[in-house]
Amino acid sequence: KKRHVRCTRRWVKGHQDRKLPRHEISDEGLMNIEVDELATSAYIMAGVDKTSLEVDVFSEEAYGIIIDGSKVTCKLKHRVVERCGETALLQYLTNKHKLSEGKMEGIDWQALARFLRSLSPQQRATQVKLQHNWIPTNSFLYQQRRIQCDKCPLCKSAVETPSHVRWCRFLAAQRYRQDRLSQLEREFKGINTAPEIVYCWMAQLAAICGERLEDYSDSIITGTPIKQALGEARRHQAVLSWEGMLQGRLSTRWQKVQECHERGRRQETASFQKRGGWSAQAVRLLCVFNSDLWHFRNAEVHGNTLHEAQQKLRAEVEDKVRRLYDRHPILLARYPSVRSIPLEVRLQKSTLVLQMWLKHVDQQEKLTDVVRMKARMQEGSILRFLVPRSAVRVGVKNGCGQNNRLIRNAASKLVRWARCFLRFRSKVELPRAGIGDPG
């Protein structure tokens, strides 16, 4: 009877109202938006069953992917890649940050994931490096033998580690941290964070950064339920580490404290209505604060612009060249002397040429030490050919004949040693053709 009616299935893009006005959306799109609104309202209603995760594969679908018993209906590539690298990632996090299974379950990974997805690829790469301490501090570069010193380039008094970047005693760094901590406190209040959480976090962050924070009154903790939740969250975060909170590993217990605060002040806070939720915004503020400290260090060391970075690099290279000229190391005869070119002429060369010359001289010094060590092991020291002063004095007392005989023996030994040394030097240290000054 209804042969004139043909049913077809067609995919309709959802949430079109996020980018288009409603009068430009088709009827199917408006119907999809209405269904989405009804589904969202159903999730927050009490007594309504949630959507079943077990969905059949329709005949019109070419295939279906089911992960952990639920069918993947969106972000297919992301979910598959995440699932494939999940085991290796969990193993790395467990070993890197010493996280047990219980600690892994107590971290708000969803808030951290939302924050990372909101960043550009370059910003996301920087944040991941900061979270896993992959930043190129001087201690890290020193372990890779890329620099000669592991001290902080700002204070020059302690080994520069990721934790040292947060409490460096450099005067400009201290002033920046104090201003940045004050700004962070205002930002926490801007997202309607509970005052109890703000006080607790600022006290811990000030301790991590080596700064002093004025004490708050104990009357800030108003109710017994929020006091109990705050104590539980604080103890759990201490187990996870407070420095880990700066790296995005926030405890899930803080959300309970925030919910207790919003339950009593629903009208004036209502952060649950904001996009992303409170926990995602808090993670964003903490991670941005941590990255700002690292960016300030880089700006002080390398400059804010490319021109400033080139100027600072040039000054550093010229200082190394001057110190090398003052030290004037003695190299093998095959290598040109450091002072073969005057210092004024050397400094007229480009920065890249000076860097290559410094690298070559460093390699030549190491080879010189190796050759001299081998020569000392093969030929021995000149001291074994010399007569002790006590023996000469004994010879003078016994008679001139014996003294002359000791002197002749010592002289013959010294001549033999000199011949052996010159013969070895002629084989090893003569200049080679085609090797000139690398500078």
Protein backbone atom coordinates (compact mmCIF):
# COMPACT_ATOMS: atom_id res chain seq x y z
CA LYS A 1 0.00 0.00 0.00
CA LYS A 2 2.90 2.39 0.67
CA ARG A 3 5.00 1.57 -2.38
CA HIS A 4 5.25 5.27 -3.22
CA VAL A 5 7.18 5.86 0.03
CA ARG A 6 10.91 5.14 -0.13
CA CYS A 7 13.03 5.23 3.02
CA THR A 8 16.63 6.34 2.67
CA ARG A 9 19.34 6.90 5.24
CA ARG A 10 21.65 9.83 4.93
CA TRP A 11 24.27 11.17 7.29
CA VAL A 12 23.60 14.66 8.66
CA LYS A 13 26.35 16.70 10.27
CA GLY A 14 25.64 17.35 13.93
CA HIS A 15 25.98 20.54 15.99
CA GLN A 16 25.78 22.78 12.95
CA ASP A 17 24.49 25.60 15.16
CA ARG A 18 28.01 26.08 16.53
CA LYS A 19 29.16 27.68 13.27
CA LEU A 20 26.01 28.54 11.28
CA PRO A 21 22.87 30.56 12.12
CA ARG A 22 19.69 28.54 12.35
CA HIS A 23 18.09 30.03 9.22
CA GLU A 24 20.96 28.60 7.11
CA ILE A 25 20.58 25.05 8.47
CA SER A 26 18.46 22.46 6.67
CA ASP A 27 15.41 20.83 8.24
CA GLU A 28 17.35 17.63 8.87
CA GLY A 29 20.10 19.60 10.62
CA LEU A 30 17.56 21.42 12.82
CA MET A 31 15.99 18.09 13.73
CA ASN A 32 19.44 16.74 14.65
CA ILE A 33 20.07 19.78 16.87
CA GLU A 34 16.74 19.28 18.63
CA VAL A 35 17.50 15.60 19.25
CA ASP A 36 20.91 16.51 20.67
CA GLU A 37 19.30 18.98 23.07
CA LEU A 38 16.79 16.34 24.22
CA ALA A 39 19.59 13.81 24.74
CA THR A 40 21.60 16.31 26.76
CA SER A 41 18.65 17.14 28.97
CA ALA A 42 17.99 13.42 29.48
CA TYR A 43 21.49 12.89 30.86
CA ILE A 44 20.96 15.39 33.67
CA MET A 45 17.49 14.14 34.61
CA ALA A 46 17.16 11.73 37.50
CA GLY A 47 15.59 8.34 36.89
CA VAL A 48 16.29 8.23 33.15
CA ASP A 49 18.34 5.33 31.79
CA LYS A 50 21.50 6.26 29.98
CA THR A 51 22.23 5.36 26.38
CA SER A 52 23.38 1.80 25.85
CA LEU A 53 26.96 1.47 24.63
CA GLU A 54 26.21 -1.75 22.79
CA VAL A 55 25.11 -0.72 19.30
CA ASP A 56 24.68 -3.11 16.40
CA VAL A 57 26.45 -2.62 13.08
CA PHE A 58 23.89 -1.52 10.51
CA SER A 59 23.67 -3.19 7.14
CA GLU A 60 24.49 0.11 5.40
CA GLU A 61 27.79 0.39 7.33
CA ALA A 62 30.88 -1.14 5.79
CA TYR A 63 32.36 -1.97 9.19
CA GLY A 64 32.10 -1.09 12.86
CA ILE A 65 34.80 -0.67 15.51
CA ILE A 66 34.05 -1.64 19.09
CA ILE A 67 36.52 -0.74 21.89
CA ASP A 68 35.92 -1.98 25.43
CA GLY A 69 32.39 -3.08 24.54
CA SER A 70 31.32 0.30 23.12
CA LYS A 71 30.97 1.19 19.47
CA VAL A 72 33.13 4.03 18.16
CA THR A 73 30.88 6.56 16.44
CA CYS A 74 33.11 9.68 16.32
CA LYS A 75 36.81 10.57 16.13
CA LEU A 76 37.61 7.16 14.69
CA LYS A 77 41.27 7.81 13.88
CA HIS A 78 41.94 9.40 17.26
CA ARG A 79 40.34 6.54 19.19
CA VAL A 80 42.21 3.86 17.20
CA VAL A 81 45.61 5.56 17.61
CA GLU A 82 44.94 6.15 21.30
CA ARG A 83 44.03 2.50 21.79
CA CYS A 84 47.07 1.18 19.91
CA GLY A 85 49.54 3.23 22.00
CA GLU A 86 47.73 2.86 25.31
CA THR A 87 49.82 -0.02 26.68
CA ALA A 88 53.17 1.57 25.87
CA LEU A 89 52.01 4.95 27.23
CA LEU A 90 50.82 3.47 30.52
CA GLN A 91 54.08 1.60 30.94
CA TYR A 92 56.10 4.75 30.26
CA LEU A 93 54.06 6.86 32.70
CA THR A 94 54.36 4.19 35.36
CA ASN A 95 58.15 4.05 35.09
CA LYS A 96 58.78 7.76 34.43
CA HIS A 97 56.67 9.28 37.20
CA LYS A 98 56.45 6.22 39.48
CA LEU A 99 52.68 5.96 39.18
CA SER A 100 50.98 2.85 40.48
CA GLU A 101 47.63 1.62 39.25
CA GLY A 102 45.84 3.40 42.10
CA LYS A 103 47.60 6.68 41.34
CA MET A 104 46.74 6.40 37.66
CA GLU A 105 43.05 6.04 38.50
CA GLY A 106 43.16 9.08 40.81
CA ILE A 107 44.43 11.53 38.15
CA ASP A 108 42.01 13.63 36.11
CA TRP A 109 43.29 12.56 32.68
CA GLN A 110 40.19 13.85 30.90
CA ALA A 111 40.86 17.42 31.98
CA LEU A 112 44.47 17.16 30.83
CA ALA A 113 43.41 15.65 27.50
CA ARG A 114 40.92 18.47 26.88
CA PHE A 115 43.62 21.03 27.57
CA LEU A 116 46.14 19.38 25.24
CA ARG A 117 43.60 19.03 22.42
CA SER A 118 42.91 22.77 22.58
CA LEU A 119 46.56 23.62 21.78
CA SER A 120 48.34 23.90 18.47
CA PRO A 121 50.85 21.14 17.57
CA GLN A 122 53.83 23.35 18.53
CA GLN A 123 52.31 24.36 21.87
CA ARG A 124 51.26 20.77 22.57
CA ALA A 125 54.81 19.53 21.95
CA THR A 126 56.19 22.09 24.42
CA GLN A 127 53.64 21.15 27.07
CA VAL A 128 54.38 17.43 26.70
CA LYS A 129 58.10 18.12 27.13
CA LEU A 130 57.40 20.11 30.29
CA GLN A 131 55.14 17.37 31.67
CA HIS A 132 57.83 14.70 31.26
CA ASN A 133 60.91 16.88 32.06
CA TRP A 134 62.27 16.67 28.53
CA ILE A 135 63.19 20.37 28.48
CA PRO A 136 66.80 21.18 27.50
CA THR A 137 68.12 22.40 30.84
CA ASN A 138 71.87 22.69 31.32
CA SER A 139 71.97 19.50 33.40
CA PHE A 140 70.23 17.60 30.59
CA LEU A 141 72.56 19.06 27.94
CA TYR A 142 75.58 18.33 30.14
CA GLN A 143 74.60 14.66 30.37
CA GLN A 144 74.49 14.60 26.57
CA ARG A 145 77.97 16.22 26.49
CA ARG A 146 76.70 19.15 24.48
CA ILE A 147 77.90 21.80 26.95
CA GLN A 148 80.80 22.04 29.38
CA CYS A 149 78.93 23.18 32.51
CA ASP A 150 75.65 22.12 34.13
CA LYS A 151 75.18 25.27 36.24
CA CYS A 152 72.19 27.58 35.83
CA PRO A 153 72.94 30.29 33.24
CA LEU A 154 71.10 32.89 35.35
CA CYS A 155 72.17 32.42 38.98
CA LYS A 156 75.30 30.35 38.13
CA SER A 157 75.22 28.82 41.63
CA ALA A 158 73.28 25.55 41.32
CA VAL A 159 72.75 22.75 38.86
CA GLU A 160 69.93 23.66 36.49
CA THR A 161 67.21 21.03 36.70
CA PRO A 162 63.49 21.35 35.84
CA SER A 163 62.73 22.00 39.52
CA HIS A 164 65.50 24.63 39.73
CA VAL A 165 63.80 26.63 36.97
CA ARG A 166 60.88 27.16 39.37
CA TRP A 167 62.95 28.47 42.31
CA CYS A 168 66.03 30.06 40.71
CA ARG A 169 67.53 32.80 42.92
CA PHE A 170 68.16 35.15 40.00
CA LEU A 171 66.70 38.56 40.97
CA ALA A 172 64.71 39.09 37.78
CA ALA A 173 63.34 35.52 38.01
CA GLN A 174 62.21 36.08 41.59
CA ARG A 175 60.34 39.26 40.64
CA TYR A 176 58.69 37.55 37.70
CA ARG A 177 57.56 34.60 39.86
CA GLN A 178 56.03 36.88 42.46
CA ASP A 179 54.06 38.78 39.81
CA ARG A 180 53.07 35.55 38.09
CA LEU A 181 51.86 33.98 41.35
CA SER A 182 49.68 37.03 42.02
CA GLN A 183 48.27 36.79 38.51
CA LEU A 184 47.60 33.06 38.94
CA GLU A 185 45.66 33.72 42.13
CA ARG A 186 43.46 36.23 40.32
CA GLU A 187 42.92 33.75 37.48
CA PHE A 188 41.83 31.03 39.93
CA LYS A 189 39.29 33.40 41.40
CA GLY A 190 38.20 34.34 37.88
CA ILE A 191 37.04 30.79 37.17
CA ASN A 192 35.12 30.73 40.49
CA THR A 193 37.49 28.37 42.25
CA ALA A 194 36.62 27.63 45.85
CA PRO A 195 38.56 29.93 48.24
CA GLU A 196 39.70 26.86 50.16
CA ILE A 197 41.30 25.43 47.01
CA VAL A 198 42.89 28.78 46.13
CA TYR A 199 44.52 29.09 49.55
CA CYS A 200 45.77 25.49 49.53
CA TRP A 201 47.15 25.65 46.00
CA MET A 202 48.81 29.05 46.37
CA ALA A 203 50.54 27.96 49.58
CA GLN A 204 51.94 24.85 47.90
CA LEU A 205 52.95 26.66 44.69
CA ALA A 206 54.70 29.37 46.70
CA ALA A 207 56.68 26.68 48.52
CA ILE A 208 57.62 25.01 45.24
CA CYS A 209 58.76 28.35 43.78
CA GLY A 210 60.70 29.30 46.90
CA GLU A 211 58.49 32.32 47.63
CA ARG A 212 56.75 33.43 50.82
CA LEU A 213 52.97 33.77 50.83
CA GLU A 214 51.07 35.72 53.47
CA ASP A 215 48.99 33.52 55.72
CA TYR A 216 45.26 33.32 55.23
CA SER A 217 42.83 33.15 58.10
CA ASP A 218 41.60 29.72 59.16
CA SER A 219 38.03 31.06 58.99
CA ILE A 220 38.22 30.63 55.20
CA ILE A 221 37.17 26.98 55.69
CA THR A 222 33.50 27.47 56.41
CA GLY A 223 31.78 24.08 56.50
CA THR A 224 32.55 20.62 57.78
CA PRO A 225 31.75 18.74 54.50
CA ILE A 226 34.04 20.95 52.45
CA LYS A 227 36.71 20.72 55.16
CA GLN A 228 36.67 16.93 55.00
CA ALA A 229 36.74 16.92 51.21
CA LEU A 230 39.60 19.43 51.20
CA GLY A 231 41.67 17.34 53.59
CA GLU A 232 41.13 14.23 51.50
CA ALA A 233 42.04 16.04 48.27
CA ARG A 234 45.14 17.60 49.80
CA ARG A 235 46.43 14.26 51.10
CA HIS A 236 45.74 12.56 47.77
CA GLN A 237 47.52 15.30 45.82
CA ALA A 238 50.51 15.01 48.16
CA VAL A 239 50.70 11.33 47.26
CA LEU A 240 50.61 12.22 43.55
CA SER A 241 53.17 15.07 44.18
CA TRP A 242 52.52 18.79 44.04
CA GLU A 243 55.07 19.29 41.29
CA GLY A 244 53.07 16.78 39.26
CA MET A 245 50.06 19.09 39.62
CA LEU A 246 52.03 21.78 37.78
CA GLN A 247 52.63 19.22 35.03
CA GLY A 248 48.90 18.52 34.65
CA ARG A 249 48.48 15.50 36.96
CA LEU A 250 45.60 16.87 39.00
CA SER A 251 43.79 14.74 41.55
CA THR A 252 40.14 13.91 40.91
CA ARG A 253 39.34 14.72 44.55
CA TRP A 254 39.56 18.47 43.90
CA GLN A 255 36.40 18.27 41.79
CA LYS A 256 34.49 17.11 44.87
CA VAL A 257 35.71 20.12 46.84
CA GLN A 258 34.63 22.43 44.01
CA GLU A 259 31.20 20.75 43.85
CA CYS A 260 30.72 21.31 47.58
CA HIS A 261 31.55 24.97 47.09
CA GLU A 262 29.19 25.34 44.11
CA ARG A 263 26.40 23.53 45.91
CA GLY A 264 26.35 26.25 48.55
CA ARG A 265 26.89 29.15 46.13
CA ARG A 266 25.15 27.92 42.99
CA GLN A 267 23.88 31.32 41.92
CA GLU A 268 27.14 33.26 42.27
CA THR A 269 29.50 30.63 40.85
CA ALA A 270 27.84 28.21 38.42
CA SER A 271 31.13 27.20 36.80
CA PHE A 272 29.48 23.95 35.74
CA GLN A 273 27.76 25.87 32.96
CA LYS A 274 31.04 27.09 31.49
CA ARG A 275 32.52 25.33 28.52
CA GLY A 276 35.13 22.72 29.45
CA GLY A 277 34.27 22.50 33.14
CA TRP A 278 36.19 23.77 36.14
CA SER A 279 38.84 21.01 36.24
CA ALA A 280 39.89 21.57 32.62
CA GLN A 281 40.26 25.32 33.23
CA ALA A 282 42.27 24.71 36.41
CA VAL A 283 44.62 22.33 34.60
CA ARG A 284 45.06 24.90 31.85
CA LEU A 285 46.02 27.64 34.32
CA LEU A 286 48.51 25.39 36.14
CA CYS A 287 50.20 24.15 32.97
CA VAL A 288 50.39 27.65 31.48
CA PHE A 289 51.98 28.93 34.70
CA ASN A 290 54.62 26.19 34.52
CA SER A 291 55.36 26.92 30.86
CA ASP A 292 55.57 30.68 31.50
CA LEU A 293 58.40 30.12 33.98
CA TRP A 294 60.31 28.16 31.35
CA HIS A 295 59.63 30.77 28.65
CA PHE A 296 60.93 33.53 30.95
CA ARG A 297 64.15 31.57 31.48
CA ASN A 298 64.60 31.16 27.73
CA ALA A 299 63.93 34.86 27.13
CA GLU A 300 66.58 35.84 29.69
CA VAL A 301 69.15 33.42 28.28
CA HIS A 302 68.47 33.59 24.53
CA GLY A 303 66.45 36.80 24.09
CA ASN A 304 62.89 37.49 23.07
CA THR A 305 63.52 38.03 19.35
CA LEU A 306 65.74 36.39 16.77
CA HIS A 307 68.01 39.44 16.67
CA GLU A 308 68.51 39.36 20.46
CA ALA A 309 69.22 35.63 20.34
CA GLN A 310 71.89 36.16 17.67
CA GLN A 311 73.48 38.98 19.69
CA LYS A 312 73.63 36.89 22.87
CA LEU A 313 75.03 33.90 21.00
CA ARG A 314 77.71 36.10 19.41
CA ALA A 315 78.72 37.54 22.79
CA GLU A 316 78.94 34.06 24.31
CA VAL A 317 81.08 32.71 21.45
CA GLU A 318 83.43 35.70 21.55
CA ASP A 319 83.88 35.24 25.30
CA LYS A 320 84.82 31.58 24.77
CA VAL A 321 87.35 32.57 22.08
CA ARG A 322 89.00 35.17 24.35
CA ARG A 323 89.24 32.69 27.24
CA LEU A 324 90.78 30.11 24.92
CA TYR A 325 93.40 32.63 23.76
CA ASP A 326 94.22 33.46 27.39
CA ARG A 327 94.57 29.79 28.29
CA HIS A 328 96.64 29.03 25.15
CA PRO A 329 96.71 25.20 25.25
CA ILE A 330 99.80 23.43 23.84
CA LEU A 331 98.66 21.07 21.06
CA LEU A 332 100.49 18.45 19.00
CA ALA A 333 102.80 19.67 16.27
CA ARG A 334 100.40 18.45 13.60
CA TYR A 335 97.83 21.03 14.70
CA PRO A 336 98.17 24.80 14.23
CA SER A 337 98.66 26.92 17.30
CA VAL A 338 95.67 28.65 18.83
CA ARG A 339 97.42 31.99 18.41
CA SER A 340 98.45 31.36 14.82
CA ILE A 341 95.90 34.02 13.88
CA PRO A 342 95.69 37.23 15.94
CA LEU A 343 92.67 37.56 18.19
CA GLU A 344 91.38 40.69 16.42
CA VAL A 345 91.48 38.91 13.05
CA ARG A 346 89.84 35.78 14.51
CA LEU A 347 86.91 37.75 15.96
CA GLN A 348 86.11 39.17 12.53
CA LYS A 349 84.94 35.75 11.35
CA SER A 350 81.29 34.71 11.46
CA THR A 351 79.67 33.08 14.46
CA LEU A 352 79.31 29.70 12.73
CA VAL A 353 83.02 29.64 11.79
CA LEU A 354 84.03 30.47 15.37
CA GLN A 355 81.78 27.74 16.73
CA MET A 356 83.32 25.17 14.38
CA TRP A 357 86.83 26.35 15.29
CA LEU A 358 86.09 26.02 19.02
CA LYS A 359 84.76 22.51 18.42
CA HIS A 360 87.88 21.53 16.44
CA VAL A 361 90.21 22.89 19.12
CA ASP A 362 88.33 20.94 21.78
CA GLN A 363 88.77 17.74 19.77
CA GLN A 364 92.46 18.53 19.23
CA GLU A 365 92.99 18.99 22.97
CA LYS A 366 91.44 15.61 23.68
CA LEU A 367 93.58 13.88 21.03
CA THR A 368 96.68 15.62 22.39
CA ASP A 369 95.99 14.29 25.87
CA VAL A 370 95.48 10.77 24.48
CA VAL A 371 98.76 10.82 22.49
CA ARG A 372 100.74 12.17 25.42
CA MET A 373 99.27 9.55 27.72
CA LYS A 374 100.28 6.78 25.30
CA ALA A 375 103.79 8.23 25.00
CA ARG A 376 104.12 8.37 28.77
CA MET A 377 103.01 4.75 29.06
CA GLN A 378 105.46 3.54 26.36
CA GLU A 379 108.55 5.64 27.07
CA GLY A 380 108.02 6.39 30.73
CA SER A 381 108.83 9.60 32.55
CA ILE A 382 112.13 11.51 32.27
CA LEU A 383 112.54 11.23 36.03
CA ARG A 384 113.69 7.63 35.80
CA PHE A 385 116.77 8.75 33.83
CA LEU A 386 117.87 11.30 36.42
CA VAL A 387 120.05 10.54 39.42
CA PRO A 388 118.52 11.38 42.80
CA ARG A 389 120.16 14.29 44.59
CA SER A 390 120.95 12.11 47.57
CA ALA A 391 122.98 9.75 45.37
CA VAL A 392 125.00 12.67 43.97
CA ARG A 393 125.81 13.87 47.48
CA VAL A 394 126.97 10.39 48.46
CA GLY A 395 129.20 10.28 45.38
CA VAL A 396 130.82 13.61 46.26
CA LYS A 397 131.67 12.35 49.72
CA ASN A 398 133.14 9.08 48.43
CA GLY A 399 135.34 10.67 45.80
CA CYS A 400 135.41 12.58 42.52
CA GLY A 401 136.00 9.45 40.41
CA GLN A 402 132.81 7.81 41.52
CA ASN A 403 130.98 11.13 41.15
CA ASN A 404 132.15 11.50 37.56
CA ARG A 405 131.08 7.96 36.80
CA LEU A 406 127.54 8.64 38.15
CA ILE A 407 127.33 11.80 36.09
CA ARG A 408 128.44 9.98 32.94
CA ASN A 409 125.87 7.23 33.50
CA ALA A 410 123.10 9.77 34.05
CA ALA A 411 124.10 11.71 30.93
CA SER A 412 124.12 8.56 28.78
CA LYS A 413 120.67 7.58 30.05
CA LEU A 414 119.38 11.06 29.32
CA VAL A 415 120.77 10.92 25.76
CA ARG A 416 119.13 7.55 25.12
CA TRP A 417 115.79 8.85 26.41
CA ALA A 418 116.06 11.96 24.22
CA ARG A 419 116.78 9.83 21.13
CA CYS A 420 113.77 7.61 21.82
CA PHE A 421 111.52 10.60 22.42
CA LEU A 422 112.66 12.39 19.25
CA ARG A 423 112.21 9.23 17.20
CA PHE A 424 108.65 8.82 18.59
CA ARG A 425 107.91 12.51 18.03
CA SER A 426 109.07 12.28 14.41
CA LYS A 427 106.63 9.43 13.82
CA VAL A 428 103.63 10.97 15.59
CA GLU A 429 103.80 14.73 15.74
CA LEU A 430 105.09 15.85 12.34
CA PRO A 431 102.57 18.09 10.51
CA ARG A 432 100.48 16.37 7.89
CA ALA A 433 99.99 17.78 4.42
CA GLY A 434 96.60 19.35 3.74
CA ILE A 435 95.73 20.12 7.39
CA GLY A 436 95.55 23.82 8.06
CA ASP A 437 93.85 26.15 10.46
CA PRO A 438 90.14 25.18 10.64
CA GLY A 439 89.29 28.80 11.56
